[in-house]
Amino acid sequence: MKNQQRLIVGLVLALVLIIFAVLNGQGVDVNFFGAQFTWPLIVVIVVSVIIGAVITFLVSTTGLSKMKKELKSAQAAEAGAAEAQAKAVKEATADLTAQVAALQKELAAAKAPTEDSQA
């Protein structure tokens, strides 16, 4: 749906540009870095639009590539944090298991003399 809206808006803008360019077909003087040309206004408009589109594409591509790099960096950091958390949980579980075993031995040792004295 979003792509269809963009396509429709793009086509409408292109149609407006074409109508504007066709209605303004007279020759105009263009000074470009010291060189002077006389081109039809339609050519000047189309070239200007193409240059603007290329600049927009380059700027958006640069921003997009920067965002992709940041995303990869964030995903790597998240994976590292998940590994560290898993390792910490595993170590804590091992420590607690050892403590439980030690407490069970102490409990068994404390029960053993009591059972002997009752017998």
Protein backbone atom coordinates (compact mmCIF):
# COMPACT_ATOMS: atom_id res chain seq x y z
CA MET A 1 0.00 0.00 0.00
CA LYS A 2 2.77 2.41 0.93
CA ASN A 3 4.69 1.61 -2.26
CA GLN A 4 1.53 2.16 -4.33
CA GLN A 5 1.05 5.58 -2.76
CA ARG A 6 4.65 6.50 -3.52
CA LEU A 7 4.26 5.31 -7.10
CA ILE A 8 1.09 7.35 -7.59
CA VAL A 9 2.64 10.49 -6.07
CA GLY A 10 5.74 10.00 -8.21
CA LEU A 11 3.69 9.59 -11.37
CA VAL A 12 1.61 12.70 -10.59
CA LEU A 13 4.77 14.73 -9.97
CA ALA A 14 6.32 13.40 -13.18
CA LEU A 15 3.18 14.36 -15.10
CA VAL A 16 3.24 17.88 -13.63
CA LEU A 17 6.94 18.18 -14.55
CA ILE A 18 6.29 17.01 -18.11
CA ILE A 19 3.41 19.45 -18.58
CA PHE A 20 5.51 22.29 -17.15
CA ALA A 21 8.45 21.42 -19.38
CA VAL A 22 6.36 21.14 -22.55
CA LEU A 23 4.69 24.50 -21.89
CA ASN A 24 8.11 26.13 -21.41
CA GLY A 25 9.97 25.02 -24.54
CA GLN A 26 11.67 28.32 -25.41
CA GLY A 27 15.45 28.58 -25.45
CA VAL A 28 17.31 29.85 -22.38
CA ASP A 29 20.91 30.86 -21.80
CA VAL A 30 22.77 28.65 -19.33
CA ASN A 31 26.10 29.73 -17.85
CA PHE A 32 28.02 26.78 -16.43
CA PHE A 33 31.55 27.37 -15.14
CA GLY A 34 32.26 30.01 -17.73
CA ALA A 35 30.72 28.11 -20.64
CA GLN A 36 27.55 29.54 -22.12
CA PHE A 37 24.89 27.41 -23.77
CA THR A 38 21.48 28.11 -25.22
CA TRP A 39 19.24 25.14 -24.55
CA PRO A 40 15.51 24.64 -24.60
CA LEU A 41 14.03 25.13 -21.13
CA ILE A 42 12.70 21.56 -21.21
CA VAL A 43 16.28 20.22 -21.39
CA VAL A 44 17.42 22.48 -18.53
CA ILE A 45 14.50 21.33 -16.37
CA VAL A 46 15.03 17.63 -17.09
CA VAL A 47 18.78 17.85 -16.47
CA SER A 48 18.17 19.74 -13.22
CA VAL A 49 15.67 17.11 -12.07
CA ILE A 50 18.08 14.29 -12.92
CA ILE A 51 20.91 16.00 -11.03
CA GLY A 52 18.61 16.51 -8.04
CA ALA A 53 17.52 12.86 -8.14
CA VAL A 54 21.14 11.67 -8.24
CA ILE A 55 22.08 13.89 -5.30
CA THR A 56 19.05 12.68 -3.32
CA PHE A 57 19.91 9.06 -4.10
CA LEU A 58 23.53 9.50 -3.01
CA VAL A 59 22.56 11.23 0.23
CA SER A 60 19.92 8.62 1.11
CA THR A 61 22.26 5.74 0.23
CA THR A 62 24.97 7.17 2.48
CA GLY A 63 22.53 7.49 5.37
CA LEU A 64 21.18 4.00 4.74
CA SER A 65 24.63 2.41 4.70
CA LYS A 66 25.50 4.22 7.94
CA MET A 67 22.32 2.90 9.54
CA LYS A 68 23.11 -0.64 8.38
CA LYS A 69 26.58 -0.43 9.95
CA GLU A 70 25.07 0.83 13.22
CA LEU A 71 22.51 -2.00 13.15
CA LYS A 72 25.22 -4.63 12.64
CA SER A 73 27.24 -3.11 15.47
CA ALA A 74 24.21 -3.12 17.77
CA GLN A 75 23.39 -6.73 16.85
CA ALA A 76 26.98 -7.78 17.57
CA ALA A 77 26.89 -6.00 20.92
CA GLU A 78 23.57 -7.67 21.73
CA ALA A 79 24.97 -11.09 20.84
CA GLY A 80 28.02 -10.45 23.02
CA ALA A 81 25.82 -9.34 25.91
CA ALA A 82 23.61 -12.42 25.50
CA GLU A 83 26.68 -14.69 25.57
CA ALA A 84 28.02 -12.94 28.66
CA GLN A 85 24.65 -13.23 30.37
CA ALA A 86 24.38 -16.93 29.50
CA LYS A 87 27.88 -17.53 30.83
CA ALA A 88 27.10 -15.64 34.06
CA VAL A 89 23.88 -17.63 34.53
CA LYS A 90 25.73 -20.88 33.94
CA GLU A 91 28.44 -19.95 36.45
CA ALA A 92 25.85 -18.84 39.02
CA THR A 93 23.92 -22.08 38.52
CA ALA A 94 27.09 -24.12 39.02
CA ASP A 95 27.92 -22.16 42.21
CA LEU A 96 24.41 -22.59 43.58
CA THR A 97 24.42 -26.29 42.72
CA ALA A 98 27.68 -26.68 44.62
CA GLN A 99 26.23 -24.77 47.59
CA VAL A 100 23.11 -26.96 47.58
CA ALA A 101 25.27 -30.10 47.55
CA ALA A 102 27.36 -28.77 50.46
CA LEU A 103 24.24 -27.90 52.43
CA GLN A 104 22.76 -31.33 51.75
CA LYS A 105 25.96 -32.93 53.09
CA GLU A 106 25.81 -30.72 56.19
CA LEU A 107 22.17 -31.64 56.70
CA ALA A 108 22.93 -35.32 56.30
CA ALA A 109 25.83 -35.02 58.74
CA ALA A 110 23.62 -33.18 61.25
CA LYS A 111 20.87 -35.82 60.94
CA ALA A 112 23.25 -38.77 61.27
CA PRO A 113 24.31 -38.15 64.93
CA THR A 114 20.72 -37.37 65.89
CA GLU A 115 19.51 -40.67 64.45
CA ASP A 116 22.34 -42.54 66.22
CA SER A 117 21.46 -41.02 69.60
CA GLN A 118 17.78 -41.92 69.19
CA ALA A 119 18.58 -45.54 68.43
